[in-house]
Amino acid sequence: MKIRFCLATIALLGLVAFVGAGCSKKSTSSMPPGATQVKVEDKSTYEEPAPAPVEPQVDERALAAEAKAQAVEELAFTINFAFDSYELNDDARATLGRKAALMKTYRDLTMVIEGYCDERGTEEYNLALGERRARAAFEHMVILGVAPERMSVVSFGEERPVDPGHNEAAWAKNRRDEFKISQ
């Protein structure tokens, strides 16, 4: 029995050695079949990649404030009238259309429309004509969608002339509406 036990142990050890040798670990490769492996040289110095270009920070509030300041500057404008008239011409209507669009964009702005006349006519007549001129621009802006509570009208008549001359060129400059913006 001892011999059988020894033979069985030897057979068992042989079987374990045979199975252990047959199940050796396989090495895996990410290389596709048939490809050859290329040896990469090891660089002793490491070069850092160049830093990405830094984009400048955009300050949205500063841009909005700058755009609003430009709009305020553009809204301070003048339109002119014919002699003894408060009728808006085509140029004045086009200008008022562009300005109404800006007023609708910047809803916190208010506007004072000032009506002026040349020196001809009585003071009372010129004050009334200046008011009719300012009122014509006011009503046109309301038609274009600007809220009436954001605008006011004042007449200066023949006071405050742009050109103090006493000729048609000076008088044409003085027959005007000026638009003053406040925030």
N, C-alpha and C. Protein backbone atom coordinates (compact mmCIF):
# COMPACT_ATOMS: atom_id res chain seq x y z
N MET A 1 0.78 -1.14 0.00
CA MET A 1 0.00 0.00 0.00
C MET A 1 0.85 1.25 0.00
N LYS A 2 1.95 1.15 0.61
CA LYS A 2 2.85 2.28 0.63
C LYS A 2 3.32 2.58 -0.77
N ILE A 3 3.54 1.61 -1.55
CA ILE A 3 4.02 1.82 -2.89
C ILE A 3 2.91 2.48 -3.72
N ARG A 4 1.70 2.02 -3.53
CA ARG A 4 0.60 2.63 -4.26
C ARG A 4 0.42 4.09 -3.88
N PHE A 5 0.54 4.35 -2.61
CA PHE A 5 0.40 5.72 -2.13
C PHE A 5 1.50 6.60 -2.72
N CYS A 6 2.72 6.13 -2.77
CA CYS A 6 3.83 6.88 -3.34
C CYS A 6 3.63 7.08 -4.83
N LEU A 7 3.18 6.05 -5.52
CA LEU A 7 2.93 6.19 -6.95
C LEU A 7 1.79 7.19 -7.22
N ALA A 8 0.76 7.13 -6.42
CA ALA A 8 -0.37 8.06 -6.58
C ALA A 8 0.08 9.48 -6.31
N THR A 9 0.93 9.70 -5.32
CA THR A 9 1.42 11.04 -4.99
C THR A 9 2.30 11.55 -6.11
N ILE A 10 3.17 10.68 -6.65
CA ILE A 10 4.06 11.08 -7.73
C ILE A 10 3.22 11.42 -8.97
N ALA A 11 2.19 10.62 -9.24
CA ALA A 11 1.34 10.85 -10.40
C ALA A 11 0.58 12.18 -10.23
N LEU A 12 0.13 12.41 -9.01
CA LEU A 12 -0.60 13.66 -8.73
C LEU A 12 0.32 14.87 -8.87
N LEU A 13 1.53 14.79 -8.38
CA LEU A 13 2.49 15.87 -8.52
C LEU A 13 2.85 16.10 -9.99
N GLY A 14 2.99 15.06 -10.73
CA GLY A 14 3.29 15.17 -12.16
C GLY A 14 2.14 15.84 -12.90
N LEU A 15 0.92 15.46 -12.50
CA LEU A 15 -0.25 16.06 -13.13
C LEU A 15 -0.34 17.55 -12.82
N VAL A 16 -0.07 17.91 -11.58
CA VAL A 16 -0.10 19.32 -11.18
C VAL A 16 0.99 20.09 -11.94
N ALA A 17 2.18 19.54 -12.08
CA ALA A 17 3.26 20.20 -12.80
C ALA A 17 2.91 20.34 -14.27
N PHE A 18 2.27 19.29 -14.83
CA PHE A 18 1.89 19.36 -16.23
C PHE A 18 0.81 20.43 -16.48
N VAL A 19 -0.19 20.47 -15.63
CA VAL A 19 -1.28 21.45 -15.77
C VAL A 19 -0.74 22.85 -15.51
N GLY A 20 0.11 23.02 -14.52
CA GLY A 20 0.69 24.34 -14.20
C GLY A 20 1.53 24.86 -15.34
N ALA A 21 2.27 24.03 -16.02
CA ALA A 21 3.09 24.48 -17.13
C ALA A 21 2.23 24.80 -18.34
N GLY A 22 1.13 24.14 -18.51
CA GLY A 22 0.26 24.37 -19.65
C GLY A 22 -0.59 25.64 -19.50
N CYS A 23 -0.82 26.12 -18.32
CA CYS A 23 -1.66 27.31 -18.08
C CYS A 23 -0.83 28.53 -17.74
N SER A 24 0.25 28.70 -18.39
CA SER A 24 1.06 29.89 -18.10
C SER A 24 0.32 31.13 -18.60
N LYS A 25 0.62 32.28 -18.00
CA LYS A 25 -0.06 33.54 -18.36
C LYS A 25 0.31 33.96 -19.76
N LYS A 26 -0.73 34.45 -20.46
CA LYS A 26 -0.50 34.94 -21.80
C LYS A 26 -0.21 36.43 -21.72
N SER A 27 0.69 36.88 -22.53
CA SER A 27 0.96 38.31 -22.58
C SER A 27 0.06 38.91 -23.65
N THR A 28 -0.58 40.06 -23.31
CA THR A 28 -1.47 40.72 -24.27
C THR A 28 -0.78 41.93 -24.84
N SER A 29 -1.18 42.29 -26.03
CA SER A 29 -0.59 43.44 -26.70
C SER A 29 -1.71 44.22 -27.36
N SER A 30 -1.55 45.54 -27.40
CA SER A 30 -2.55 46.36 -28.08
C SER A 30 -2.22 46.49 -29.55
N MET A 31 -1.20 45.79 -29.98
CA MET A 31 -0.77 45.84 -31.38
C MET A 31 -1.69 44.92 -32.18
N PRO A 32 -2.07 45.35 -33.36
CA PRO A 32 -2.87 44.47 -34.22
C PRO A 32 -1.99 43.33 -34.74
N PRO A 33 -2.61 42.25 -35.11
CA PRO A 33 -1.82 41.12 -35.60
C PRO A 33 -1.05 41.49 -36.87
N GLY A 34 0.16 41.11 -36.94
CA GLY A 34 0.99 41.36 -38.11
C GLY A 34 1.75 42.67 -38.04
N ALA A 35 1.50 43.48 -37.03
CA ALA A 35 2.21 44.76 -36.91
C ALA A 35 3.52 44.54 -36.20
N THR A 36 4.50 45.38 -36.51
CA THR A 36 5.80 45.26 -35.85
C THR A 36 5.91 46.36 -34.81
N GLN A 37 6.56 46.06 -33.75
CA GLN A 37 6.71 46.99 -32.65
C GLN A 37 7.95 47.85 -32.88
N VAL A 38 7.78 49.16 -32.70
CA VAL A 38 8.87 50.10 -32.89
C VAL A 38 9.32 50.56 -31.51
N LYS A 39 10.61 50.58 -31.34
CA LYS A 39 11.15 50.99 -30.05
C LYS A 39 11.30 52.52 -30.05
N VAL A 40 10.76 53.15 -29.01
CA VAL A 40 10.81 54.60 -28.88
C VAL A 40 11.95 54.93 -27.95
N GLU A 41 12.76 55.89 -28.40
CA GLU A 41 13.88 56.30 -27.56
C GLU A 41 13.38 57.14 -26.40
N ASP A 42 13.96 56.96 -25.26
CA ASP A 42 13.59 57.70 -24.07
C ASP A 42 14.33 59.04 -24.07
N LYS A 43 13.56 60.13 -24.05
CA LYS A 43 14.20 61.45 -23.98
C LYS A 43 14.47 61.78 -22.53
N SER A 44 15.66 62.25 -22.28
CA SER A 44 16.02 62.53 -20.90
C SER A 44 15.50 63.88 -20.44
N THR A 45 15.18 64.79 -21.38
CA THR A 45 14.66 66.10 -20.97
C THR A 45 13.21 66.20 -21.40
N TYR A 46 12.40 66.77 -20.54
CA TYR A 46 10.98 66.93 -20.79
C TYR A 46 10.72 68.36 -21.22
N GLU A 47 10.11 68.49 -22.37
CA GLU A 47 9.77 69.83 -22.85
C GLU A 47 8.30 70.08 -22.57
N GLU A 48 8.01 71.15 -21.84
CA GLU A 48 6.62 71.50 -21.55
C GLU A 48 5.99 72.12 -22.77
N PRO A 49 4.75 71.77 -23.03
CA PRO A 49 4.09 72.38 -24.19
C PRO A 49 3.90 73.88 -23.98
N ALA A 50 3.86 74.60 -25.07
CA ALA A 50 3.67 76.05 -24.98
C ALA A 50 2.30 76.34 -24.40
N PRO A 51 2.21 77.35 -23.54
CA PRO A 51 0.90 77.64 -22.95
C PRO A 51 -0.07 78.15 -24.01
N ALA A 52 -1.32 77.78 -23.81
CA ALA A 52 -2.37 78.22 -24.74
C ALA A 52 -2.50 79.74 -24.65
N PRO A 53 -2.78 80.39 -25.77
CA PRO A 53 -2.94 81.85 -25.71
C PRO A 53 -4.12 82.22 -24.82
N VAL A 54 -3.90 83.21 -24.00
CA VAL A 54 -4.92 83.64 -23.05
C VAL A 54 -5.83 84.64 -23.75
N GLU A 55 -7.11 84.33 -23.77
CA GLU A 55 -8.06 85.26 -24.37
C GLU A 55 -8.38 86.34 -23.36
N PRO A 56 -8.46 87.57 -23.81
CA PRO A 56 -8.74 88.66 -22.87
C PRO A 56 -10.15 88.51 -22.28
N GLN A 57 -10.25 88.87 -21.03
CA GLN A 57 -11.53 88.82 -20.35
C GLN A 57 -12.42 89.93 -20.88
N VAL A 58 -13.64 89.60 -21.21
CA VAL A 58 -14.59 90.58 -21.72
C VAL A 58 -15.51 90.99 -20.57
N ASP A 59 -15.48 92.27 -20.28
CA ASP A 59 -16.34 92.78 -19.22
C ASP A 59 -17.65 93.22 -19.86
N GLU A 60 -18.67 92.39 -19.69
CA GLU A 60 -19.96 92.64 -20.34
C GLU A 60 -20.57 93.96 -19.88
N ARG A 61 -20.43 94.26 -18.59
CA ARG A 61 -21.01 95.52 -18.09
C ARG A 61 -20.32 96.73 -18.70
N ALA A 62 -19.02 96.66 -18.87
CA ALA A 62 -18.29 97.78 -19.48
C ALA A 62 -18.70 97.97 -20.93
N LEU A 63 -18.87 96.86 -21.64
CA LEU A 63 -19.31 96.95 -23.03
C LEU A 63 -20.72 97.53 -23.14
N ALA A 64 -21.59 97.10 -22.24
CA ALA A 64 -22.97 97.62 -22.26
C ALA A 64 -22.98 99.11 -21.92
N ALA A 65 -22.16 99.52 -20.96
CA ALA A 65 -22.10 100.93 -20.59
C ALA A 65 -21.54 101.76 -21.74
N GLU A 66 -20.55 101.23 -22.45
CA GLU A 66 -19.98 101.94 -23.58
C GLU A 66 -21.00 102.08 -24.71
N ALA A 67 -21.74 101.00 -24.97
CA ALA A 67 -22.77 101.05 -26.01
C ALA A 67 -23.86 102.05 -25.64
N LYS A 68 -24.21 102.09 -24.37
CA LYS A 68 -25.24 103.02 -23.93
C LYS A 68 -24.74 104.47 -24.03
N ALA A 69 -23.50 104.70 -23.68
CA ALA A 69 -22.93 106.05 -23.80
C ALA A 69 -22.92 106.49 -25.26
N GLN A 70 -22.62 105.56 -26.17
CA GLN A 70 -22.65 105.88 -27.59
C GLN A 70 -24.07 106.21 -28.04
N ALA A 71 -25.03 105.47 -27.52
CA ALA A 71 -26.43 105.72 -27.88
C ALA A 71 -26.87 107.09 -27.37
N VAL A 72 -26.47 107.44 -26.14
CA VAL A 72 -26.83 108.74 -25.58
C VAL A 72 -26.23 109.85 -26.43
N GLU A 73 -24.99 109.65 -26.85
CA GLU A 73 -24.34 110.66 -27.69
C GLU A 73 -25.06 110.79 -29.04
N GLU A 74 -25.47 109.66 -29.59
CA GLU A 74 -26.15 109.68 -30.87
C GLU A 74 -27.57 110.26 -30.75
N LEU A 75 -28.17 110.11 -29.58
CA LEU A 75 -29.53 110.62 -29.39
C LEU A 75 -29.57 112.14 -29.22
N ALA A 76 -28.47 112.75 -28.90
CA ALA A 76 -28.42 114.22 -28.80
C ALA A 76 -28.24 114.75 -30.22
N PHE A 77 -29.33 115.12 -30.86
CA PHE A 77 -29.29 115.50 -32.26
C PHE A 77 -30.20 116.69 -32.51
N THR A 78 -30.21 117.14 -33.73
CA THR A 78 -31.00 118.31 -34.14
C THR A 78 -31.71 118.00 -35.45
N ILE A 79 -32.95 118.46 -35.56
CA ILE A 79 -33.64 118.44 -36.84
C ILE A 79 -34.04 119.87 -37.17
N ASN A 80 -34.12 120.19 -38.44
CA ASN A 80 -34.42 121.56 -38.86
C ASN A 80 -35.77 121.64 -39.56
N PHE A 81 -36.31 122.86 -39.61
CA PHE A 81 -37.63 123.11 -40.18
C PHE A 81 -37.56 124.21 -41.24
N ALA A 82 -38.58 124.24 -42.08
CA ALA A 82 -38.72 125.30 -43.08
C ALA A 82 -39.23 126.56 -42.37
N PHE A 83 -39.16 127.67 -43.05
CA PHE A 83 -39.61 128.96 -42.50
C PHE A 83 -41.10 128.88 -42.17
N ASP A 84 -41.43 129.31 -40.94
CA ASP A 84 -42.81 129.44 -40.47
C ASP A 84 -43.56 128.10 -40.56
N SER A 85 -42.86 126.98 -40.31
CA SER A 85 -43.47 125.66 -40.43
C SER A 85 -43.05 124.77 -39.27
N TYR A 86 -43.93 123.87 -38.91
CA TYR A 86 -43.60 122.85 -37.92
C TYR A 86 -43.79 121.45 -38.51
N GLU A 87 -43.88 121.37 -39.82
CA GLU A 87 -44.03 120.10 -40.51
C GLU A 87 -42.68 119.40 -40.61
N LEU A 88 -42.68 118.10 -40.31
CA LEU A 88 -41.45 117.29 -40.38
C LEU A 88 -41.18 116.91 -41.83
N ASN A 89 -39.96 117.16 -42.31
CA ASN A 89 -39.60 116.74 -43.66
C ASN A 89 -39.14 115.28 -43.63
N ASP A 90 -38.83 114.72 -44.80
CA ASP A 90 -38.44 113.30 -44.90
C ASP A 90 -37.17 113.00 -44.12
N ASP A 91 -36.19 113.91 -44.17
CA ASP A 91 -34.94 113.69 -43.42
C ASP A 91 -35.21 113.65 -41.92
N ALA A 92 -36.06 114.56 -41.45
CA ALA A 92 -36.39 114.59 -40.03
C ALA A 92 -37.11 113.31 -39.61
N ARG A 93 -38.02 112.83 -40.43
CA ARG A 93 -38.74 111.58 -40.11
C ARG A 93 -37.78 110.39 -40.07
N ALA A 94 -36.85 110.33 -41.01
CA ALA A 94 -35.87 109.23 -41.01
C ALA A 94 -34.98 109.29 -39.77
N THR A 95 -34.55 110.50 -39.42
CA THR A 95 -33.72 110.67 -38.22
C THR A 95 -34.50 110.27 -36.98
N LEU A 96 -35.72 110.72 -36.87
CA LEU A 96 -36.54 110.36 -35.71
C LEU A 96 -36.79 108.86 -35.65
N GLY A 97 -36.90 108.20 -36.78
CA GLY A 97 -37.07 106.74 -36.78
C GLY A 97 -35.87 106.02 -36.19
N ARG A 98 -34.67 106.46 -36.57
CA ARG A 98 -33.45 105.84 -36.00
C ARG A 98 -33.35 106.12 -34.51
N LYS A 99 -33.70 107.32 -34.11
CA LYS A 99 -33.60 107.69 -32.69
C LYS A 99 -34.66 106.97 -31.86
N ALA A 100 -35.84 106.76 -32.42
CA ALA A 100 -36.89 106.02 -31.70
C ALA A 100 -36.45 104.59 -31.43
N ALA A 101 -35.75 103.98 -32.39
CA ALA A 101 -35.25 102.62 -32.20
C ALA A 101 -34.25 102.58 -31.04
N LEU A 102 -33.39 103.57 -30.94
CA LEU A 102 -32.45 103.63 -29.82
C LEU A 102 -33.18 103.84 -28.49
N MET A 103 -34.18 104.70 -28.51
CA MET A 103 -34.95 104.95 -27.28
C MET A 103 -35.68 103.69 -26.82
N LYS A 104 -36.13 102.87 -27.76
CA LYS A 104 -36.81 101.62 -27.39
C LYS A 104 -35.81 100.60 -26.87
N THR A 105 -34.57 100.67 -27.34
CA THR A 105 -33.54 99.75 -26.85
C THR A 105 -33.12 100.09 -25.43
N TYR A 106 -32.93 101.38 -25.16
CA TYR A 106 -32.48 101.84 -23.84
C TYR A 106 -33.68 102.49 -23.15
N ARG A 107 -34.45 101.66 -22.48
CA ARG A 107 -35.73 102.10 -21.91
C ARG A 107 -35.58 102.95 -20.65
N ASP A 108 -34.39 103.10 -20.13
CA ASP A 108 -34.21 103.92 -18.93
C ASP A 108 -33.86 105.37 -19.28
N LEU A 109 -33.72 105.69 -20.55
CA LEU A 109 -33.38 107.05 -20.97
C LEU A 109 -34.65 107.88 -21.12
N THR A 110 -34.52 109.17 -20.81
CA THR A 110 -35.60 110.11 -21.05
C THR A 110 -35.07 111.22 -21.95
N MET A 111 -36.00 111.93 -22.60
CA MET A 111 -35.61 112.92 -23.60
C MET A 111 -36.41 114.20 -23.41
N VAL A 112 -35.72 115.32 -23.56
CA VAL A 112 -36.37 116.63 -23.60
C VAL A 112 -36.23 117.14 -25.03
N ILE A 113 -37.35 117.47 -25.63
CA ILE A 113 -37.36 118.00 -27.00
C ILE A 113 -37.54 119.51 -26.89
N GLU A 114 -36.53 120.24 -27.38
CA GLU A 114 -36.54 121.71 -27.29
C GLU A 114 -36.83 122.29 -28.67
N GLY A 115 -37.86 123.16 -28.75
CA GLY A 115 -38.22 123.79 -30.01
C GLY A 115 -37.66 125.20 -30.10
N TYR A 116 -37.10 125.58 -31.25
CA TYR A 116 -36.48 126.89 -31.47
C TYR A 116 -36.99 127.50 -32.77
N CYS A 117 -36.85 128.83 -32.87
CA CYS A 117 -37.24 129.58 -34.07
C CYS A 117 -36.13 130.57 -34.41
N ASP A 118 -36.26 131.19 -35.59
CA ASP A 118 -35.34 132.28 -35.91
C ASP A 118 -35.89 133.57 -35.31
N GLU A 119 -35.18 134.65 -35.49
CA GLU A 119 -35.52 135.90 -34.83
C GLU A 119 -36.70 136.65 -35.44
N ARG A 120 -37.17 136.22 -36.59
CA ARG A 120 -38.28 136.91 -37.23
C ARG A 120 -39.59 136.52 -36.55
N GLY A 121 -40.50 137.44 -36.41
CA GLY A 121 -41.77 137.20 -35.75
C GLY A 121 -41.73 137.71 -34.33
N THR A 122 -42.89 137.80 -33.70
CA THR A 122 -42.95 138.29 -32.32
C THR A 122 -42.49 137.22 -31.36
N GLU A 123 -42.16 137.63 -30.17
CA GLU A 123 -41.68 136.67 -29.17
C GLU A 123 -42.75 135.64 -28.86
N GLU A 124 -44.01 136.07 -28.71
CA GLU A 124 -45.10 135.15 -28.40
C GLU A 124 -45.32 134.15 -29.55
N TYR A 125 -45.30 134.67 -30.78
CA TYR A 125 -45.48 133.81 -31.94
C TYR A 125 -44.37 132.77 -32.02
N ASN A 126 -43.13 133.18 -31.78
CA ASN A 126 -41.99 132.26 -31.87
C ASN A 126 -42.01 131.21 -30.75
N LEU A 127 -42.47 131.61 -29.57
CA LEU A 127 -42.60 130.62 -28.48
C LEU A 127 -43.64 129.56 -28.86
N ALA A 128 -44.77 130.00 -29.43
CA ALA A 128 -45.81 129.06 -29.84
C ALA A 128 -45.33 128.17 -30.99
N LEU A 129 -44.63 128.74 -31.96
CA LEU A 129 -44.12 127.96 -33.09
C LEU A 129 -43.07 126.96 -32.62
N GLY A 130 -42.20 127.37 -31.70
CA GLY A 130 -41.20 126.45 -31.14
C GLY A 130 -41.87 125.28 -30.43
N GLU A 131 -42.96 125.55 -29.73
CA GLU A 131 -43.69 124.47 -29.05
C GLU A 131 -44.33 123.54 -30.07
N ARG A 132 -44.93 124.08 -31.13
CA ARG A 132 -45.53 123.23 -32.17
C ARG A 132 -44.47 122.35 -32.83
N ARG A 133 -43.28 122.90 -33.05
CA ARG A 133 -42.18 122.11 -33.65
C ARG A 133 -41.77 120.97 -32.72
N ALA A 134 -41.59 121.27 -31.46
CA ALA A 134 -41.22 120.23 -30.49
C ALA A 134 -42.33 119.21 -30.35
N ARG A 135 -43.57 119.65 -30.35
CA ARG A 135 -44.73 118.75 -30.23
C ARG A 135 -44.83 117.84 -31.46
N ALA A 136 -44.50 118.34 -32.65
CA ALA A 136 -44.53 117.50 -33.86
C ALA A 136 -43.53 116.35 -33.74
N ALA A 137 -42.33 116.64 -33.27
CA ALA A 137 -41.33 115.59 -33.07
C ALA A 137 -41.77 114.62 -31.98
N PHE A 138 -42.32 115.16 -30.90
CA PHE A 138 -42.82 114.34 -29.79
C PHE A 138 -43.88 113.35 -30.30
N GLU A 139 -44.86 113.84 -31.02
CA GLU A 139 -45.94 112.99 -31.51
C GLU A 139 -45.43 111.94 -32.49
N HIS A 140 -44.48 112.30 -33.31
CA HIS A 140 -43.91 111.32 -34.24
C HIS A 140 -43.17 110.22 -33.48
N MET A 141 -42.44 110.59 -32.44
CA MET A 141 -41.74 109.58 -31.64
C MET A 141 -42.74 108.66 -30.93
N VAL A 142 -43.86 109.20 -30.48
CA VAL A 142 -44.89 108.36 -29.85
C VAL A 142 -45.46 107.39 -30.87
N ILE A 143 -45.72 107.86 -32.09
CA ILE A 143 -46.22 106.98 -33.15
C ILE A 143 -45.23 105.86 -33.43
N LEU A 144 -43.94 106.15 -33.30
CA LEU A 144 -42.89 105.15 -33.55
C LEU A 144 -42.68 104.20 -32.37
N GLY A 145 -43.41 104.41 -31.27
CA GLY A 145 -43.36 103.45 -30.17
C GLY A 145 -42.63 103.89 -28.93
N VAL A 146 -42.20 105.14 -28.84
CA VAL A 146 -41.54 105.62 -27.63
C VAL A 146 -42.63 106.07 -26.66
N ALA A 147 -42.53 105.64 -25.42
CA ALA A 147 -43.54 105.98 -24.41
C ALA A 147 -43.56 107.49 -24.16
N PRO A 148 -44.74 108.12 -24.18
CA PRO A 148 -44.81 109.57 -24.01
C PRO A 148 -44.28 110.06 -22.66
N GLU A 149 -44.37 109.25 -21.64
CA GLU A 149 -43.87 109.67 -20.31
C GLU A 149 -42.36 109.74 -20.25
N ARG A 150 -41.69 109.24 -21.26
CA ARG A 150 -40.23 109.32 -21.32
C ARG A 150 -39.73 110.57 -22.04
N MET A 151 -40.66 111.39 -22.52
CA MET A 151 -40.28 112.59 -23.27
C MET A 151 -41.03 113.80 -22.72
N SER A 152 -40.40 114.96 -22.84
CA SER A 152 -41.08 116.21 -22.49
C SER A 152 -40.74 117.25 -23.55
N VAL A 153 -41.55 118.30 -23.59
CA VAL A 153 -41.45 119.32 -24.63
C VAL A 153 -41.24 120.67 -23.97
N VAL A 154 -40.36 121.49 -24.54
CA VAL A 154 -40.15 122.87 -24.08
C VAL A 154 -39.85 123.73 -25.31
N SER A 155 -40.29 124.99 -25.25
CA SER A 155 -40.03 125.92 -26.35
C SER A 155 -39.17 127.07 -25.85
N PHE A 156 -38.16 127.41 -26.64
CA PHE A 156 -37.33 128.56 -26.32
C PHE A 156 -37.53 129.68 -27.34
N GLY A 157 -38.41 129.46 -28.31
CA GLY A 157 -38.68 130.50 -29.30
C GLY A 157 -37.41 130.94 -29.99
N GLU A 158 -37.19 132.27 -29.99
CA GLU A 158 -36.00 132.81 -30.66
C GLU A 158 -34.80 132.94 -29.72
N GLU A 159 -34.97 132.56 -28.46
CA GLU A 159 -33.85 132.59 -27.51
C GLU A 159 -32.83 131.51 -27.90
N ARG A 160 -31.62 131.67 -27.51
CA ARG A 160 -30.54 130.70 -27.71
C ARG A 160 -30.31 130.34 -29.19
N PRO A 161 -30.05 131.27 -30.04
CA PRO A 161 -29.78 130.92 -31.44
C PRO A 161 -28.44 130.19 -31.59
N VAL A 162 -28.39 129.28 -32.53
CA VAL A 162 -27.13 128.57 -32.83
C VAL A 162 -26.20 129.50 -33.58
N ASP A 163 -26.76 130.26 -34.50
CA ASP A 163 -26.00 131.20 -35.32
C ASP A 163 -26.60 132.59 -35.09
N PRO A 164 -25.83 133.53 -34.54
CA PRO A 164 -26.39 134.85 -34.24
C PRO A 164 -26.51 135.77 -35.47
N GLY A 165 -26.23 135.27 -36.65
CA GLY A 165 -26.29 136.09 -37.86
C GLY A 165 -27.71 136.53 -38.19
N HIS A 166 -27.81 137.49 -39.09
CA HIS A 166 -29.10 138.04 -39.49
C HIS A 166 -29.31 137.81 -40.99
N ASN A 167 -29.14 136.59 -41.44
CA ASN A 167 -29.33 136.25 -42.85
C ASN A 167 -30.01 134.87 -42.93
N GLU A 168 -30.38 134.47 -44.14
CA GLU A 168 -31.13 133.23 -44.32
C GLU A 168 -30.35 132.00 -43.85
N ALA A 169 -29.03 131.97 -44.05
CA ALA A 169 -28.23 130.83 -43.61
C ALA A 169 -28.29 130.67 -42.09
N ALA A 170 -28.17 131.77 -41.37
CA ALA A 170 -28.25 131.74 -39.91
C ALA A 170 -29.66 131.36 -39.46
N TRP A 171 -30.67 131.94 -40.09
CA TRP A 171 -32.05 131.65 -39.70
C TRP A 171 -32.40 130.18 -39.94
N ALA A 172 -31.88 129.60 -41.02
CA ALA A 172 -32.15 128.18 -41.31
C ALA A 172 -31.58 127.28 -40.21
N LYS A 173 -30.42 127.63 -39.67
CA LYS A 173 -29.83 126.85 -38.59
C LYS A 173 -30.63 126.99 -37.30
N ASN A 174 -31.22 128.16 -37.08
CA ASN A 174 -31.93 128.43 -35.82
C ASN A 174 -33.35 127.85 -35.79
N ARG A 175 -33.93 127.48 -36.93
CA ARG A 175 -35.25 126.85 -36.97
C ARG A 175 -35.05 125.35 -36.75
N ARG A 176 -35.13 124.92 -35.50
CA ARG A 176 -34.70 123.56 -35.18
C ARG A 176 -35.42 123.01 -33.96
N ASP A 177 -35.28 121.71 -33.79
CA ASP A 177 -35.58 121.00 -32.54
C ASP A 177 -34.28 120.37 -32.09
N GLU A 178 -33.97 120.51 -30.80
CA GLU A 178 -32.82 119.83 -30.22
C GLU A 178 -33.33 118.79 -29.24
N PHE A 179 -32.59 117.70 -29.13
CA PHE A 179 -33.01 116.59 -28.29
C PHE A 179 -31.93 116.37 -27.22
N LYS A 180 -32.33 116.51 -25.97
CA LYS A 180 -31.41 116.35 -24.84
C LYS A 180 -31.80 115.07 -24.11
N ILE A 181 -30.80 114.26 -23.78
CA ILE A 181 -31.02 112.97 -23.15
C ILE A 181 -30.58 113.02 -21.69
N SER A 182 -31.38 112.39 -20.83
CA SER A 182 -30.98 112.23 -19.44
C SER A 182 -31.22 110.78 -19.06
N GLN A 183 -30.45 110.34 -18.07
CA GLN A 183 -30.54 108.93 -17.67
C GLN A 183 -31.20 108.80 -16.32
